[in-house]
N, C-alpha and C. Protein backbone atom coordinates (compact mmCIF):
# COMPACT_ATOMS: atom_id res chain seq x y z
N MET A 1 0.84 -1.16 0.00
CA MET A 1 0.00 0.00 0.00
C MET A 1 0.90 1.23 0.00
N ALA A 2 0.75 2.07 -0.97
CA ALA A 2 1.55 3.29 -1.09
C ALA A 2 1.01 4.37 -0.15
N SER A 3 1.88 5.25 0.26
CA SER A 3 1.50 6.34 1.16
C SER A 3 0.94 7.50 0.34
N PRO A 4 -0.26 8.00 0.70
CA PRO A 4 -0.80 9.15 -0.02
C PRO A 4 -0.02 10.44 0.29
N ALA A 5 0.65 10.48 1.43
CA ALA A 5 1.45 11.66 1.80
C ALA A 5 2.91 11.37 1.46
N SER A 6 3.22 11.54 0.18
CA SER A 6 4.58 11.22 -0.27
C SER A 6 4.99 12.17 -1.39
N ILE A 7 6.29 12.20 -1.61
CA ILE A 7 6.85 12.96 -2.73
C ILE A 7 7.65 11.98 -3.57
N LYS A 8 7.27 11.84 -4.82
CA LYS A 8 7.91 10.90 -5.74
C LYS A 8 8.03 9.50 -5.11
N LYS A 9 6.92 9.03 -4.54
CA LYS A 9 6.79 7.72 -3.92
C LYS A 9 7.61 7.54 -2.64
N HIS A 10 8.12 8.62 -2.07
CA HIS A 10 8.84 8.57 -0.81
C HIS A 10 7.93 9.11 0.29
N PRO A 11 7.48 8.27 1.22
CA PRO A 11 6.56 8.72 2.28
C PRO A 11 7.19 9.80 3.16
N LEU A 12 6.43 10.83 3.47
CA LEU A 12 6.93 11.96 4.25
C LEU A 12 7.02 11.66 5.75
N HIS A 13 6.05 10.95 6.28
CA HIS A 13 6.01 10.72 7.73
C HIS A 13 7.30 10.09 8.27
N PRO A 14 7.80 9.00 7.68
CA PRO A 14 9.04 8.42 8.22
C PRO A 14 10.25 9.36 8.11
N MET A 15 10.24 10.23 7.11
CA MET A 15 11.34 11.18 6.98
C MET A 15 11.29 12.23 8.09
N LEU A 16 10.09 12.68 8.44
CA LEU A 16 9.94 13.76 9.39
C LEU A 16 10.06 13.33 10.85
N VAL A 17 9.75 12.08 11.16
CA VAL A 17 9.79 11.65 12.56
C VAL A 17 11.21 11.61 13.12
N ALA A 18 12.21 11.57 12.26
CA ALA A 18 13.59 11.54 12.76
C ALA A 18 13.94 12.82 13.51
N ILE A 19 13.31 13.93 13.15
CA ILE A 19 13.62 15.22 13.78
C ILE A 19 13.21 15.23 15.26
N PRO A 20 11.94 14.99 15.59
CA PRO A 20 11.59 14.99 17.01
C PRO A 20 12.26 13.87 17.79
N ILE A 21 12.43 12.71 17.18
CA ILE A 21 13.09 11.60 17.89
C ILE A 21 14.50 12.02 18.31
N GLY A 22 15.26 12.55 17.37
CA GLY A 22 16.62 12.98 17.68
C GLY A 22 16.67 14.09 18.71
N LEU A 23 15.79 15.07 18.58
CA LEU A 23 15.78 16.19 19.53
C LEU A 23 15.39 15.74 20.93
N TRP A 24 14.37 14.88 21.03
CA TRP A 24 13.93 14.42 22.35
C TRP A 24 14.95 13.50 23.00
N LEU A 25 15.60 12.67 22.21
CA LEU A 25 16.67 11.83 22.76
C LEU A 25 17.82 12.69 23.28
N PHE A 26 18.19 13.70 22.51
CA PHE A 26 19.28 14.57 22.96
C PHE A 26 18.88 15.38 24.18
N ALA A 27 17.60 15.75 24.27
CA ALA A 27 17.12 16.45 25.47
C ALA A 27 17.29 15.56 26.69
N LEU A 28 17.00 14.28 26.54
CA LEU A 28 17.19 13.35 27.66
C LEU A 28 18.67 13.26 28.04
N VAL A 29 19.54 13.18 27.05
CA VAL A 29 20.99 13.16 27.33
C VAL A 29 21.40 14.43 28.08
N CYS A 30 20.91 15.57 27.64
CA CYS A 30 21.23 16.84 28.31
C CYS A 30 20.71 16.85 29.75
N ASP A 31 19.50 16.32 29.95
CA ASP A 31 18.94 16.26 31.30
C ASP A 31 19.79 15.39 32.20
N VAL A 32 20.22 14.25 31.72
CA VAL A 32 21.06 13.34 32.51
C VAL A 32 22.38 14.02 32.86
N ILE A 33 22.98 14.68 31.89
CA ILE A 33 24.25 15.38 32.13
C ILE A 33 24.06 16.48 33.17
N ALA A 34 22.96 17.25 33.05
CA ALA A 34 22.69 18.32 34.01
C ALA A 34 22.43 17.77 35.41
N MET A 35 21.68 16.68 35.49
CA MET A 35 21.40 16.08 36.80
C MET A 35 22.65 15.47 37.43
N ALA A 36 23.61 15.08 36.59
CA ALA A 36 24.87 14.53 37.11
C ALA A 36 25.75 15.64 37.68
N GLY A 37 25.33 16.88 37.54
CA GLY A 37 26.05 17.98 38.15
C GLY A 37 26.93 18.78 37.22
N ALA A 38 26.87 18.51 35.93
CA ALA A 38 27.70 19.25 34.98
C ALA A 38 27.24 20.71 34.91
N THR A 39 28.21 21.58 34.78
CA THR A 39 27.88 22.99 34.60
C THR A 39 27.79 23.27 33.10
N GLY A 40 27.17 24.35 32.78
CA GLY A 40 27.03 24.70 31.37
C GLY A 40 25.58 24.81 30.98
N PRO A 41 25.33 24.93 29.71
CA PRO A 41 23.97 25.22 29.23
C PRO A 41 23.10 23.98 29.01
N TRP A 42 23.36 22.88 29.72
CA TRP A 42 22.65 21.62 29.44
C TRP A 42 21.14 21.73 29.58
N ARG A 43 20.68 22.41 30.61
CA ARG A 43 19.22 22.55 30.80
C ARG A 43 18.61 23.42 29.70
N THR A 44 19.32 24.44 29.30
CA THR A 44 18.83 25.31 28.23
C THR A 44 18.78 24.56 26.90
N VAL A 45 19.81 23.77 26.63
CA VAL A 45 19.83 22.98 25.38
C VAL A 45 18.67 21.99 25.39
N ALA A 46 18.44 21.35 26.55
CA ALA A 46 17.32 20.41 26.66
C ALA A 46 15.99 21.11 26.40
N LEU A 47 15.84 22.30 26.94
CA LEU A 47 14.62 23.08 26.73
C LEU A 47 14.38 23.34 25.25
N TYR A 48 15.41 23.79 24.56
CA TYR A 48 15.26 24.07 23.12
C TYR A 48 15.03 22.79 22.31
N CYS A 49 15.67 21.71 22.71
CA CYS A 49 15.47 20.43 22.01
C CYS A 49 14.03 19.95 22.16
N ILE A 50 13.49 20.11 23.36
CA ILE A 50 12.11 19.69 23.59
C ILE A 50 11.15 20.56 22.78
N GLY A 51 11.38 21.87 22.79
CA GLY A 51 10.53 22.77 21.98
C GLY A 51 10.61 22.45 20.50
N GLY A 52 11.82 22.24 19.99
CA GLY A 52 11.98 21.88 18.58
C GLY A 52 11.35 20.53 18.27
N GLY A 53 11.46 19.59 19.22
CA GLY A 53 10.84 18.28 19.03
C GLY A 53 9.33 18.35 18.97
N ILE A 54 8.75 19.23 19.77
CA ILE A 54 7.30 19.41 19.74
C ILE A 54 6.86 19.94 18.38
N ILE A 55 7.57 20.93 17.88
CA ILE A 55 7.25 21.47 16.54
C ILE A 55 7.44 20.39 15.49
N GLY A 56 8.57 19.67 15.55
CA GLY A 56 8.83 18.60 14.58
C GLY A 56 7.82 17.48 14.67
N GLY A 57 7.41 17.14 15.90
CA GLY A 57 6.42 16.08 16.08
C GLY A 57 5.06 16.47 15.52
N ALA A 58 4.68 17.73 15.73
CA ALA A 58 3.41 18.21 15.17
C ALA A 58 3.45 18.20 13.64
N LEU A 59 4.59 18.60 13.07
CA LEU A 59 4.73 18.58 11.61
C LEU A 59 4.72 17.15 11.07
N ALA A 60 5.37 16.23 11.76
CA ALA A 60 5.41 14.83 11.33
C ALA A 60 4.03 14.17 11.44
N ALA A 61 3.21 14.67 12.36
CA ALA A 61 1.88 14.09 12.55
C ALA A 61 0.96 14.36 11.35
N VAL A 62 1.19 15.44 10.64
CA VAL A 62 0.29 15.79 9.52
C VAL A 62 0.29 14.70 8.44
N PRO A 63 1.46 14.33 7.86
CA PRO A 63 1.41 13.24 6.89
C PRO A 63 1.05 11.90 7.53
N GLY A 64 1.35 11.75 8.83
CA GLY A 64 0.95 10.53 9.53
C GLY A 64 -0.56 10.37 9.56
N VAL A 65 -1.27 11.46 9.83
CA VAL A 65 -2.73 11.43 9.84
C VAL A 65 -3.28 11.18 8.44
N ILE A 66 -2.66 11.78 7.44
CA ILE A 66 -3.08 11.55 6.05
C ILE A 66 -2.93 10.06 5.72
N ASP A 67 -1.79 9.48 6.09
CA ASP A 67 -1.58 8.04 5.86
C ASP A 67 -2.60 7.21 6.64
N TYR A 68 -2.89 7.63 7.86
CA TYR A 68 -3.82 6.91 8.73
C TYR A 68 -5.18 6.73 8.05
N PHE A 69 -5.68 7.78 7.43
CA PHE A 69 -7.00 7.70 6.81
C PHE A 69 -7.01 6.87 5.52
N SER A 70 -5.84 6.47 5.04
CA SER A 70 -5.79 5.61 3.86
C SER A 70 -5.77 4.13 4.22
N ILE A 71 -5.69 3.81 5.50
CA ILE A 71 -5.61 2.41 5.94
C ILE A 71 -7.00 1.79 5.90
N ASP A 72 -7.10 0.66 5.20
CA ASP A 72 -8.38 -0.02 5.12
C ASP A 72 -8.35 -1.42 5.74
N GLU A 73 -7.18 -1.93 6.05
CA GLU A 73 -7.05 -3.26 6.66
C GLU A 73 -7.23 -3.15 8.17
N ALA A 74 -8.07 -4.01 8.75
CA ALA A 74 -8.42 -3.92 10.17
C ALA A 74 -7.22 -4.11 11.10
N ALA A 75 -6.38 -5.09 10.81
CA ALA A 75 -5.21 -5.34 11.67
C ALA A 75 -4.25 -4.16 11.63
N MET A 76 -4.05 -3.60 10.46
CA MET A 76 -3.17 -2.43 10.32
C MET A 76 -3.78 -1.23 11.04
N ARG A 77 -5.08 -1.08 10.97
CA ARG A 77 -5.76 0.04 11.62
C ARG A 77 -5.59 -0.03 13.14
N ARG A 78 -5.66 -1.25 13.71
CA ARG A 78 -5.46 -1.40 15.16
C ARG A 78 -4.06 -0.96 15.57
N ILE A 79 -3.06 -1.38 14.80
CA ILE A 79 -1.68 -0.98 15.10
C ILE A 79 -1.55 0.54 14.95
N ALA A 80 -2.12 1.08 13.89
CA ALA A 80 -2.05 2.52 13.64
C ALA A 80 -2.74 3.31 14.75
N ASN A 81 -3.86 2.81 15.27
CA ASN A 81 -4.54 3.49 16.38
C ASN A 81 -3.62 3.59 17.59
N PHE A 82 -2.99 2.47 17.94
CA PHE A 82 -2.10 2.46 19.10
C PHE A 82 -0.88 3.34 18.85
N HIS A 83 -0.32 3.27 17.64
CA HIS A 83 0.83 4.09 17.25
C HIS A 83 0.49 5.58 17.41
N MET A 84 -0.68 5.95 16.93
CA MET A 84 -1.10 7.35 17.00
C MET A 84 -1.35 7.79 18.44
N LEU A 85 -1.97 6.94 19.24
CA LEU A 85 -2.24 7.28 20.63
C LEU A 85 -0.95 7.41 21.44
N VAL A 86 -0.04 6.47 21.26
CA VAL A 86 1.22 6.50 22.02
C VAL A 86 2.04 7.73 21.64
N ASN A 87 2.19 7.97 20.34
CA ASN A 87 3.00 9.11 19.91
C ASN A 87 2.31 10.45 20.20
N GLY A 88 1.00 10.49 20.08
CA GLY A 88 0.27 11.71 20.46
C GLY A 88 0.40 11.97 21.95
N GLY A 89 0.33 10.90 22.75
CA GLY A 89 0.54 11.03 24.19
C GLY A 89 1.94 11.52 24.51
N ALA A 90 2.93 11.02 23.79
CA ALA A 90 4.31 11.48 24.00
C ALA A 90 4.45 12.96 23.65
N LEU A 91 3.79 13.38 22.59
CA LEU A 91 3.83 14.79 22.19
C LEU A 91 3.25 15.67 23.30
N VAL A 92 2.13 15.26 23.86
CA VAL A 92 1.51 16.00 24.97
C VAL A 92 2.42 15.97 26.19
N LEU A 93 3.02 14.82 26.47
CA LEU A 93 3.92 14.69 27.61
C LEU A 93 5.13 15.63 27.48
N PHE A 94 5.67 15.72 26.27
CA PHE A 94 6.80 16.64 26.07
C PHE A 94 6.35 18.10 26.16
N ALA A 95 5.11 18.39 25.81
CA ALA A 95 4.59 19.75 25.99
C ALA A 95 4.49 20.07 27.48
N ILE A 96 4.04 19.12 28.28
CA ILE A 96 4.00 19.29 29.74
C ILE A 96 5.42 19.44 30.27
N ASN A 97 6.34 18.65 29.72
CA ASN A 97 7.74 18.72 30.10
C ASN A 97 8.29 20.13 29.86
N LEU A 98 7.99 20.67 28.69
CA LEU A 98 8.45 22.03 28.35
C LEU A 98 7.88 23.04 29.35
N TRP A 99 6.59 22.95 29.61
CA TRP A 99 5.93 23.86 30.54
C TRP A 99 6.55 23.74 31.94
N SER A 100 6.83 22.50 32.36
CA SER A 100 7.37 22.28 33.71
C SER A 100 8.73 22.96 33.90
N ARG A 101 9.47 23.09 32.83
CA ARG A 101 10.79 23.72 32.91
C ARG A 101 10.71 25.22 33.19
N PHE A 102 9.56 25.80 32.90
CA PHE A 102 9.36 27.23 33.17
C PHE A 102 8.80 27.48 34.57
N VAL A 103 8.10 26.50 35.14
CA VAL A 103 7.42 26.74 36.42
C VAL A 103 8.10 26.06 37.61
N LEU A 104 8.91 25.05 37.37
CA LEU A 104 9.57 24.34 38.47
C LEU A 104 11.00 24.86 38.67
N PRO A 105 11.54 24.69 39.85
CA PRO A 105 12.93 25.10 40.05
C PRO A 105 13.88 24.25 39.21
N SER A 106 15.03 24.81 38.88
CA SER A 106 15.99 24.11 38.01
C SER A 106 16.53 22.84 38.65
N THR A 107 16.37 22.68 39.95
CA THR A 107 16.85 21.47 40.62
C THR A 107 15.81 20.34 40.62
N SER A 108 14.62 20.61 40.10
CA SER A 108 13.55 19.61 40.08
C SER A 108 13.92 18.42 39.20
N VAL A 109 13.53 17.24 39.65
CA VAL A 109 13.78 16.02 38.90
C VAL A 109 12.63 15.71 37.93
N VAL A 110 11.54 16.44 38.04
CA VAL A 110 10.35 16.19 37.21
C VAL A 110 10.66 16.25 35.71
N PRO A 111 11.36 17.26 35.20
CA PRO A 111 11.64 17.27 33.76
C PRO A 111 12.43 16.04 33.29
N LEU A 112 13.38 15.58 34.10
CA LEU A 112 14.13 14.37 33.75
C LEU A 112 13.21 13.16 33.68
N VAL A 113 12.35 13.02 34.67
CA VAL A 113 11.41 11.89 34.69
C VAL A 113 10.48 11.96 33.48
N LEU A 114 9.99 13.15 33.16
CA LEU A 114 9.11 13.30 31.99
C LEU A 114 9.87 12.97 30.70
N SER A 115 11.14 13.34 30.62
CA SER A 115 11.94 13.00 29.44
C SER A 115 12.11 11.50 29.30
N ILE A 116 12.36 10.82 30.42
CA ILE A 116 12.52 9.36 30.39
C ILE A 116 11.22 8.69 29.93
N ILE A 117 10.11 9.11 30.51
CA ILE A 117 8.81 8.53 30.12
C ILE A 117 8.50 8.84 28.66
N GLY A 118 8.78 10.07 28.24
CA GLY A 118 8.52 10.46 26.85
C GLY A 118 9.35 9.66 25.86
N VAL A 119 10.62 9.48 26.15
CA VAL A 119 11.48 8.69 25.26
C VAL A 119 11.03 7.23 25.24
N ALA A 120 10.61 6.71 26.40
CA ALA A 120 10.06 5.34 26.41
C ALA A 120 8.81 5.27 25.53
N GLY A 121 7.99 6.30 25.59
CA GLY A 121 6.78 6.33 24.75
C GLY A 121 7.09 6.36 23.27
N ILE A 122 8.04 7.21 22.86
CA ILE A 122 8.34 7.26 21.42
C ILE A 122 9.07 5.99 20.96
N THR A 123 9.71 5.30 21.89
CA THR A 123 10.31 4.01 21.54
C THR A 123 9.22 2.99 21.20
N VAL A 124 8.19 2.94 22.04
CA VAL A 124 7.06 2.04 21.77
C VAL A 124 6.36 2.47 20.47
N GLY A 125 6.14 3.76 20.32
CA GLY A 125 5.50 4.26 19.10
C GLY A 125 6.31 3.96 17.86
N GLY A 126 7.62 4.09 17.96
CA GLY A 126 8.50 3.75 16.83
C GLY A 126 8.46 2.27 16.50
N TRP A 127 8.40 1.45 17.52
CA TRP A 127 8.29 -0.01 17.32
C TRP A 127 7.01 -0.31 16.53
N LEU A 128 5.92 0.33 16.92
CA LEU A 128 4.64 0.11 16.23
C LEU A 128 4.70 0.63 14.79
N GLY A 129 5.35 1.77 14.58
CA GLY A 129 5.53 2.28 13.22
C GLY A 129 6.34 1.30 12.39
N GLY A 130 7.39 0.75 12.97
CA GLY A 130 8.19 -0.26 12.28
C GLY A 130 7.38 -1.50 11.96
N GLU A 131 6.50 -1.88 12.85
CA GLU A 131 5.60 -3.03 12.62
C GLU A 131 4.74 -2.77 11.38
N MET A 132 4.22 -1.55 11.28
CA MET A 132 3.37 -1.23 10.12
C MET A 132 4.16 -1.24 8.82
N VAL A 133 5.38 -0.71 8.85
CA VAL A 133 6.17 -0.59 7.63
C VAL A 133 6.85 -1.91 7.27
N TYR A 134 7.62 -2.46 8.20
CA TYR A 134 8.48 -3.61 7.88
C TYR A 134 7.76 -4.95 7.92
N ILE A 135 6.71 -5.05 8.73
CA ILE A 135 5.97 -6.31 8.81
C ILE A 135 4.73 -6.28 7.91
N LYS A 136 3.98 -5.19 8.01
CA LYS A 136 2.72 -5.09 7.26
C LYS A 136 2.87 -4.44 5.88
N GLY A 137 3.99 -3.74 5.63
CA GLY A 137 4.24 -3.16 4.32
C GLY A 137 3.57 -1.81 4.06
N MET A 138 3.21 -1.08 5.11
CA MET A 138 2.59 0.24 4.95
C MET A 138 3.55 1.18 4.23
N GLY A 139 3.11 1.80 3.17
CA GLY A 139 3.91 2.77 2.45
C GLY A 139 5.05 2.18 1.66
N VAL A 140 5.04 0.87 1.45
CA VAL A 140 6.12 0.18 0.75
C VAL A 140 5.56 -0.50 -0.49
N VAL A 141 6.23 -0.32 -1.61
CA VAL A 141 5.83 -1.01 -2.82
C VAL A 141 6.18 -2.48 -2.63
N ALA A 142 5.23 -3.35 -2.92
CA ALA A 142 5.44 -4.78 -2.70
C ALA A 142 6.67 -5.28 -3.47
N VAL A 143 7.39 -6.19 -2.85
CA VAL A 143 8.61 -6.74 -3.45
C VAL A 143 8.31 -7.39 -4.79
N ASP A 144 7.19 -8.10 -4.88
CA ASP A 144 6.87 -8.74 -6.15
C ASP A 144 6.63 -7.72 -7.26
N LYS A 145 6.08 -6.55 -6.92
CA LYS A 145 5.90 -5.49 -7.92
C LYS A 145 7.25 -4.95 -8.37
N LEU A 146 8.17 -4.78 -7.41
CA LEU A 146 9.51 -4.30 -7.76
C LEU A 146 10.23 -5.30 -8.64
N ALA A 147 10.12 -6.58 -8.30
CA ALA A 147 10.78 -7.62 -9.09
C ALA A 147 10.22 -7.65 -10.51
N LYS A 148 8.94 -7.45 -10.64
CA LYS A 148 8.31 -7.44 -11.96
C LYS A 148 8.83 -6.27 -12.78
N LYS A 149 8.99 -5.11 -12.15
CA LYS A 149 9.52 -3.95 -12.85
C LYS A 149 10.94 -4.20 -13.33
N VAL A 150 11.74 -4.86 -12.52
CA VAL A 150 13.12 -5.17 -12.90
C VAL A 150 13.13 -6.12 -14.10
N GLU A 151 12.25 -7.10 -14.08
CA GLU A 151 12.17 -8.06 -15.19
C GLU A 151 11.71 -7.39 -16.48
N GLU A 152 10.89 -6.36 -16.37
CA GLU A 152 10.34 -5.70 -17.56
C GLU A 152 11.31 -4.71 -18.20
N ARG A 153 12.37 -4.36 -17.49
CA ARG A 153 13.33 -3.40 -18.05
C ARG A 153 14.06 -4.01 -19.25
N PRO A 154 14.27 -3.19 -20.26
CA PRO A 154 15.03 -3.70 -21.42
C PRO A 154 16.48 -3.99 -21.02
N ARG A 155 17.02 -5.04 -21.57
CA ARG A 155 18.38 -5.46 -21.25
C ARG A 155 19.33 -4.96 -22.32
N LEU A 156 20.49 -4.57 -21.89
CA LEU A 156 21.52 -4.15 -22.81
C LEU A 156 22.28 -5.38 -23.30
N LYS A 157 22.60 -5.38 -24.58
CA LYS A 157 23.37 -6.49 -25.11
C LYS A 157 24.85 -6.21 -24.93
N ARG A 158 25.58 -7.26 -24.63
CA ARG A 158 27.02 -7.12 -24.46
C ARG A 158 27.69 -6.99 -25.81
N ALA A 159 28.71 -6.17 -25.83
CA ALA A 159 29.53 -6.05 -27.07
C ALA A 159 30.51 -7.19 -27.08
N SER A 160 30.61 -7.86 -28.21
CA SER A 160 31.53 -9.00 -28.31
C SER A 160 32.84 -8.60 -28.90
């Protein structure tokens, strides 16, 4: 099943999710470093990473929702429902995480805990996304179709 949200047959959602995943993972690394007592801008970097991840996650959700409405298989729809709920929940959790950094003291452990839970959530959500793509074939041209295209290509004759 091809993705309706794609450019030249390349699905947009998997390309865009790398941005919030990377930013939120690095925010967690920054939080751990800051909690370990390191001096420097670690908390500020984590704050910006979480904010950027929220923006990136919201942008990645748009083609994800477009793809979601193209799913007609019941088993795939169940996985997609859970994928969407887990990742949407993580997005909300990171928004709470961002807010908490403005209202709680800098020594609070709450932002670190929220980062850990959020990264655990996007790990589960990513696993489910992988299940849809690599196991169920969401957004992937079937291998037999690709093989048929290769067989149909004209062959070059060797020069003797």
